[in-house]
Amino acid sequence: MEMYLKMRAFTYRYFETTWNKFDFFIVMSSLIDMVLSLTPSSGSSALSVGPQIARILRVLRVTRVIRLANKNKGLQALMATITLSIGPLMNVFGLLVLVMFIFSILAVFFFGEVREGRFINEYRNYNDFGQSFLTLFVISTGENWNGLMYDCIDTPPNCVPGKTCGTSLAPMFYIIFVLFVQNVMLNLFILVILTQFEMYYIDEDNPINKFKKSLDVFMVTWIHFTQTRYRCLKLREKKLNDFFRELPMPLGLPADTTDDQMKKIMLKMGIRCDDGYVYFNELLYRCMRRQYGSFRLNRKM
């Protein structure tokens, strides 16, 4: 019902909002789930997968809980922090992959002949680079790394050559890898997220809050000038002077700014007009660029 009412109100603009797209996906998957659950099963292979698809779609409805983030400012701050941290996190992830690449090659060199053991088997071994990388990935989660270490520690004459012979350096290899991956790298991921949170949310006068306040002020002024005649869609070009005089600082201009000075400033801003009208996104972008054009997310203002 909510989706239907919104689509009647916003028409095609309904799909311009990400949350509306998410709601549409959940509703449609739920309707498909209901149809498939009412469809009788048959011997046909094409129709027999219907109940299985219905189970998957039924699980997808659990994602409705994500909508709570749209109502809770704390959850919004956390999700925005993770979004801003994607770039630095990818750098840390790249370093982690490089470290595992190096250790995978060393593992093949040291433990390539270990083919049997209590924990080493056809699925966990160091026979080639691919299997070595997957095994180290399992170790990075903390699963039975000490058992694998004991399988690789045997040396002649206490082992079978070509089957169970490893090296006495196994404890050093495993301990260094576990300490680096499970402690150093994990803490790096946490440190990146905490740094982003401290930079953009703990300080009340942070750039993100400044941007949001400027956006709210801009929207209030825009509604005042465009709601009655243009349904908040566009603004007459000749109204730009009055708009900037009423728009509060820092996005706006001082009230004592002359018309000539204002025209020079707007010319530098590069505002684009369409048949004598300026649209919301265009003017918002130019105003924000004028105020925050030198801002970079990876460093403070």
Protein backbone atom coordinates (compact mmCIF):
# COMPACT_ATOMS: atom_id res chain seq x y z
CA MET A 1 0.00 0.00 0.00
CA GLU A 2 2.83 2.39 0.83
CA MET A 3 4.52 1.65 -2.49
CA TYR A 4 1.26 2.14 -4.39
CA LEU A 5 0.51 5.50 -2.75
CA LYS A 6 4.03 6.76 -3.35
CA MET A 7 3.93 5.72 -7.00
CA ARG A 8 0.62 7.55 -7.45
CA ALA A 9 2.05 10.65 -5.80
CA PHE A 10 5.50 10.78 -7.40
CA THR A 11 4.78 8.90 -10.70
CA TYR A 12 8.07 8.18 -12.51
CA ARG A 13 10.08 10.19 -9.94
CA TYR A 14 9.34 7.42 -7.44
CA PHE A 15 12.34 5.47 -8.77
CA GLU A 16 14.75 8.38 -8.34
CA THR A 17 15.07 7.60 -4.61
CA THR A 18 17.24 4.67 -3.55
CA TRP A 19 14.99 3.74 -0.61
CA ASN A 20 11.99 3.62 -2.96
CA LYS A 21 13.87 1.25 -5.26
CA PHE A 22 14.65 -0.92 -2.24
CA ASP A 23 10.98 -0.93 -1.17
CA PHE A 24 9.91 -1.81 -4.71
CA PHE A 25 12.32 -4.76 -4.77
CA ILE A 26 11.07 -6.08 -1.41
CA VAL A 27 7.41 -5.75 -2.36
CA MET A 28 7.82 -7.39 -5.76
CA SER A 29 9.89 -10.25 -4.33
CA SER A 30 7.21 -10.78 -1.67
CA LEU A 31 4.45 -10.90 -4.32
CA ILE A 32 6.45 -13.40 -6.39
CA ASP A 33 6.95 -15.43 -3.22
CA MET A 34 3.19 -15.50 -2.62
CA VAL A 35 2.46 -16.56 -6.20
CA LEU A 36 5.06 -19.32 -6.16
CA SER A 37 3.87 -20.60 -2.79
CA LEU A 38 0.33 -20.97 -4.21
CA THR A 39 1.55 -22.71 -7.36
CA PRO A 40 1.13 -26.51 -7.06
CA SER A 41 4.33 -28.49 -7.56
CA SER A 42 4.58 -30.85 -10.51
CA GLY A 43 7.00 -33.23 -12.07
CA SER A 44 8.34 -30.63 -14.46
CA SER A 45 11.90 -29.61 -13.68
CA ALA A 46 11.13 -26.01 -14.60
CA LEU A 47 8.21 -25.80 -12.15
CA SER A 48 9.82 -27.83 -9.39
CA VAL A 49 12.27 -25.02 -8.66
CA GLY A 50 9.36 -22.68 -7.80
CA PRO A 51 9.18 -23.60 -4.10
CA GLN A 52 12.95 -23.27 -3.81
CA ILE A 53 12.86 -19.77 -5.32
CA ALA A 54 9.99 -18.96 -2.96
CA ARG A 55 12.15 -19.87 0.03
CA ILE A 56 14.94 -17.58 -1.20
CA LEU A 57 12.53 -14.68 -1.73
CA ARG A 58 11.00 -15.30 1.69
CA VAL A 59 14.44 -14.86 3.24
CA LEU A 60 14.96 -11.62 1.27
CA ARG A 61 11.99 -10.09 3.09
CA VAL A 62 14.13 -10.05 6.22
CA THR A 63 16.08 -7.18 4.62
CA ARG A 64 13.14 -4.90 5.45
CA VAL A 65 14.89 -4.38 8.76
CA ILE A 66 17.46 -2.27 6.89
CA ARG A 67 14.78 0.40 6.55
CA LEU A 68 15.22 1.11 10.26
CA ALA A 69 18.47 2.84 9.32
CA ASN A 70 16.42 5.45 7.49
CA LYS A 71 14.69 6.42 10.75
CA ASN A 72 17.61 6.26 13.17
CA LYS A 73 20.28 8.97 13.00
CA GLY A 74 22.79 6.83 14.85
CA LEU A 75 22.49 4.01 12.32
CA GLN A 76 22.66 6.54 9.50
CA ALA A 77 25.91 7.89 10.92
CA LEU A 78 27.40 4.39 11.14
CA MET A 79 26.36 3.47 7.60
CA ALA A 80 27.67 6.77 6.26
CA THR A 81 30.95 6.22 8.12
CA ILE A 82 31.36 2.79 6.54
CA THR A 83 30.58 4.30 3.13
CA LEU A 84 33.23 6.99 3.58
CA SER A 85 35.68 4.33 4.76
CA ILE A 86 35.40 2.19 1.61
CA GLY A 87 38.40 3.85 -0.04
CA PRO A 88 40.83 3.46 2.90
CA LEU A 89 39.43 -0.01 3.62
CA MET A 90 40.19 -1.10 0.06
CA ASN A 91 43.81 0.01 0.58
CA VAL A 92 44.03 -2.09 3.74
CA PHE A 93 42.35 -4.99 1.95
CA GLY A 94 44.88 -4.70 -0.87
CA LEU A 95 47.70 -4.88 1.68
CA LEU A 96 46.07 -7.96 3.25
CA VAL A 97 45.84 -9.71 -0.13
CA LEU A 98 49.50 -8.86 -0.82
CA VAL A 99 50.56 -10.33 2.53
CA MET A 100 48.54 -13.51 1.93
CA PHE A 101 50.02 -13.75 -1.56
CA ILE A 102 53.56 -13.69 -0.13
CA PHE A 103 52.76 -16.17 2.63
CA SER A 104 51.01 -18.49 0.14
CA ILE A 105 54.16 -18.73 -1.96
CA LEU A 106 56.29 -19.35 1.16
CA ALA A 107 53.83 -22.03 2.33
CA VAL A 108 54.13 -23.90 -0.99
CA PHE A 109 57.92 -23.72 -0.68
CA PHE A 110 58.00 -24.92 2.95
CA PHE A 111 55.04 -27.31 3.18
CA GLY A 112 54.43 -28.40 -0.42
CA GLU A 113 55.34 -32.01 0.37
CA VAL A 114 52.91 -32.31 3.28
CA ARG A 115 49.97 -34.13 1.72
CA GLU A 116 48.52 -36.02 4.69
CA GLY A 117 47.92 -35.20 8.31
CA ARG A 118 45.34 -34.86 11.02
CA PHE A 119 44.03 -31.61 9.54
CA ILE A 120 45.74 -31.46 6.16
CA ASN A 121 43.69 -33.24 3.51
CA GLU A 122 42.62 -32.86 -0.10
CA TYR A 123 40.78 -29.63 0.75
CA ARG A 124 43.39 -28.03 3.01
CA ASN A 125 46.95 -28.33 1.80
CA TYR A 126 49.83 -26.43 0.26
CA ASN A 127 50.29 -28.46 -2.93
CA ASP A 128 49.86 -25.44 -5.19
CA PHE A 129 49.35 -21.70 -4.90
CA GLY A 130 45.56 -21.82 -5.13
CA GLN A 131 45.15 -24.42 -2.38
CA SER A 132 47.76 -22.62 -0.27
CA PHE A 133 45.92 -19.29 -0.57
CA LEU A 134 42.58 -20.87 0.39
CA THR A 135 44.16 -22.68 3.35
CA LEU A 136 45.74 -19.49 4.64
CA PHE A 137 42.38 -17.73 4.23
CA VAL A 138 40.85 -20.36 6.51
CA ILE A 139 43.69 -19.85 8.98
CA SER A 140 43.06 -16.10 8.96
CA THR A 141 39.63 -16.81 10.46
CA GLY A 142 41.32 -18.63 13.37
CA GLU A 143 40.08 -22.12 12.50
CA ASN A 144 42.43 -24.92 13.61
CA TRP A 145 45.60 -23.07 12.66
CA ASN A 146 47.52 -24.76 15.47
CA GLY A 147 46.46 -28.21 14.19
CA LEU A 148 47.75 -27.38 10.73
CA MET A 149 50.96 -26.13 12.30
CA TYR A 150 51.51 -29.47 14.07
CA ASP A 151 50.90 -31.32 10.79
CA CYS A 152 53.68 -29.29 9.15
CA ILE A 153 56.26 -29.50 11.94
CA ASP A 154 57.39 -33.12 11.42
CA THR A 155 60.89 -33.66 10.03
CA PRO A 156 62.88 -36.82 9.13
CA PRO A 157 63.13 -39.45 10.49
CA ASN A 158 59.74 -38.85 12.18
CA CYS A 159 57.85 -38.45 8.92
CA VAL A 160 57.18 -40.12 5.59
CA PRO A 161 59.01 -38.33 2.72
CA GLY A 162 56.61 -36.95 0.14
CA LYS A 163 53.62 -37.33 2.49
CA THR A 164 54.06 -35.84 5.96
CA CYS A 165 57.47 -34.17 5.99
CA GLY A 166 57.43 -30.44 6.77
CA THR A 167 59.96 -28.14 8.41
CA SER A 168 60.97 -27.08 11.89
CA LEU A 169 60.27 -23.47 10.84
CA ALA A 170 56.52 -24.16 10.83
CA PRO A 171 55.87 -22.62 14.30
CA MET A 172 57.61 -19.39 13.31
CA PHE A 173 55.71 -19.23 10.00
CA TYR A 174 52.28 -19.84 11.52
CA ILE A 175 52.74 -17.59 14.55
CA ILE A 176 54.00 -14.66 12.44
CA PHE A 177 51.14 -15.10 9.98
CA VAL A 178 48.45 -15.36 12.67
CA LEU A 179 49.79 -12.38 14.62
CA PHE A 180 49.99 -10.21 11.52
CA VAL A 181 46.67 -11.15 9.90
CA GLN A 182 44.43 -11.68 12.93
CA ASN A 183 45.78 -8.82 15.03
CA VAL A 184 47.56 -6.18 12.97
CA MET A 185 45.33 -6.27 9.88
CA LEU A 186 42.08 -6.61 11.84
CA ASN A 187 43.03 -3.67 14.01
CA LEU A 188 43.87 -1.68 10.89
CA PHE A 189 40.33 -2.20 9.58
CA ILE A 190 38.90 -1.06 12.92
CA LEU A 191 41.29 1.89 13.08
CA VAL A 192 40.23 3.13 9.62
CA ILE A 193 36.53 3.07 10.57
CA LEU A 194 37.14 4.76 13.93
CA THR A 195 39.28 7.45 12.28
CA GLN A 196 36.55 8.23 9.76
CA PHE A 197 33.92 8.32 12.51
CA GLU A 198 36.01 10.65 14.65
CA MET A 199 36.78 12.94 11.72
CA TYR A 200 33.24 13.33 10.38
CA TYR A 201 30.82 12.66 13.25
CA ILE A 202 32.22 13.07 16.76
CA ASP A 203 33.08 16.72 16.21
CA GLU A 204 29.79 18.65 16.00
CA ASP A 205 31.37 21.19 13.65
CA ASN A 206 32.48 18.53 11.17
CA PRO A 207 32.28 18.93 7.37
CA ILE A 208 29.41 16.45 6.98
CA ASN A 209 27.18 18.33 9.42
CA LYS A 210 28.11 21.62 7.76
CA PHE A 211 27.09 20.21 4.40
CA LYS A 212 23.76 18.92 5.77
CA LYS A 213 22.96 22.24 7.42
CA SER A 214 23.79 24.10 4.21
CA LEU A 215 21.55 21.72 2.26
CA ASP A 216 18.63 22.29 4.65
CA VAL A 217 19.05 26.07 4.43
CA PHE A 218 19.22 25.92 0.63
CA MET A 219 16.07 23.78 0.42
CA VAL A 220 14.09 26.17 2.65
CA THR A 221 15.05 29.15 0.47
CA TRP A 222 14.37 27.23 -2.73
CA ILE A 223 10.87 26.24 -1.55
CA HIS A 224 10.14 29.87 -0.63
CA PHE A 225 10.93 31.05 -4.18
CA THR A 226 9.52 28.16 -6.24
CA GLN A 227 6.71 26.45 -4.37
CA THR A 228 3.81 28.69 -5.41
CA ARG A 229 4.42 29.07 -9.13
CA TYR A 230 6.78 26.30 -10.26
CA ARG A 231 6.03 23.47 -7.77
CA CYS A 232 9.66 23.57 -6.54
CA LEU A 233 10.96 22.42 -9.93
CA LYS A 234 12.71 25.50 -11.29
CA LEU A 235 13.57 29.13 -10.63
CA ARG A 236 13.40 32.15 -12.92
CA GLU A 237 16.85 33.39 -13.89
CA LYS A 238 15.93 36.98 -13.05
CA LYS A 239 15.13 35.86 -9.49
CA LEU A 240 18.69 34.71 -8.80
CA ASN A 241 19.71 38.05 -7.28
CA ASP A 242 16.85 37.95 -4.79
CA PHE A 243 17.51 34.27 -4.14
CA PHE A 244 21.17 34.82 -3.20
CA ARG A 245 20.32 37.82 -1.04
CA GLU A 246 17.81 35.77 0.97
CA LEU A 247 19.92 32.61 1.07
CA PRO A 248 21.78 32.67 4.43
CA MET A 249 25.53 32.61 4.61
CA PRO A 250 27.82 30.88 3.79
CA LEU A 251 25.99 29.70 0.65
CA GLY A 252 24.34 33.08 0.10
CA LEU A 253 25.84 36.50 -0.52
CA PRO A 254 25.89 39.53 1.80
CA ALA A 255 22.84 41.78 1.57
CA ASP A 256 25.01 44.80 0.67
CA THR A 257 26.42 43.08 -2.44
CA THR A 258 25.75 45.22 -5.50
CA ASP A 259 24.07 43.84 -8.60
CA ASP A 260 27.29 44.14 -10.63
CA GLN A 261 29.30 42.27 -8.00
CA MET A 262 26.59 39.60 -7.79
CA LYS A 263 26.60 39.11 -11.55
CA LYS A 264 30.38 38.66 -11.53
CA ILE A 265 30.12 36.07 -8.75
CA MET A 266 27.34 34.16 -10.54
CA LEU A 267 29.35 34.29 -13.77
CA LYS A 268 32.32 32.71 -11.98
CA MET A 269 29.99 30.05 -10.55
CA GLY A 270 29.04 29.04 -14.10
CA ILE A 271 25.33 28.59 -13.44
CA ARG A 272 23.61 27.04 -16.46
CA CYS A 273 20.14 28.18 -17.49
CA ASP A 274 17.55 26.42 -19.64
CA ASP A 275 15.10 28.76 -21.43
CA GLY A 276 15.48 31.34 -18.68
CA TYR A 277 15.10 28.85 -15.82
CA VAL A 278 17.56 27.36 -13.32
CA TYR A 279 16.85 23.90 -11.88
CA PHE A 280 17.37 22.67 -8.34
CA ASN A 281 20.28 20.28 -8.88
CA GLU A 282 22.19 22.76 -11.02
CA LEU A 283 21.93 25.63 -8.57
CA LEU A 284 22.60 23.42 -5.54
CA TYR A 285 25.71 22.00 -7.19
CA ARG A 286 27.07 25.45 -8.08
CA CYS A 287 26.44 26.82 -4.59
CA MET A 288 28.01 23.83 -2.86
CA ARG A 289 30.98 23.90 -5.22
CA ARG A 290 31.53 27.58 -4.52
CA GLN A 291 31.57 26.95 -0.76
CA TYR A 292 33.10 23.46 -0.49
CA GLY A 293 34.99 23.16 -3.78
CA SER A 294 38.38 22.88 -2.07
CA PHE A 295 37.21 20.27 0.45
CA ARG A 296 38.60 16.74 0.28
CA LEU A 297 37.10 13.82 2.21
CA ASN A 298 40.48 12.40 3.20
CA ARG A 299 41.58 15.49 5.05
CA LYS A 300 40.04 18.06 7.33
CA MET A 301 39.03 21.50 6.15
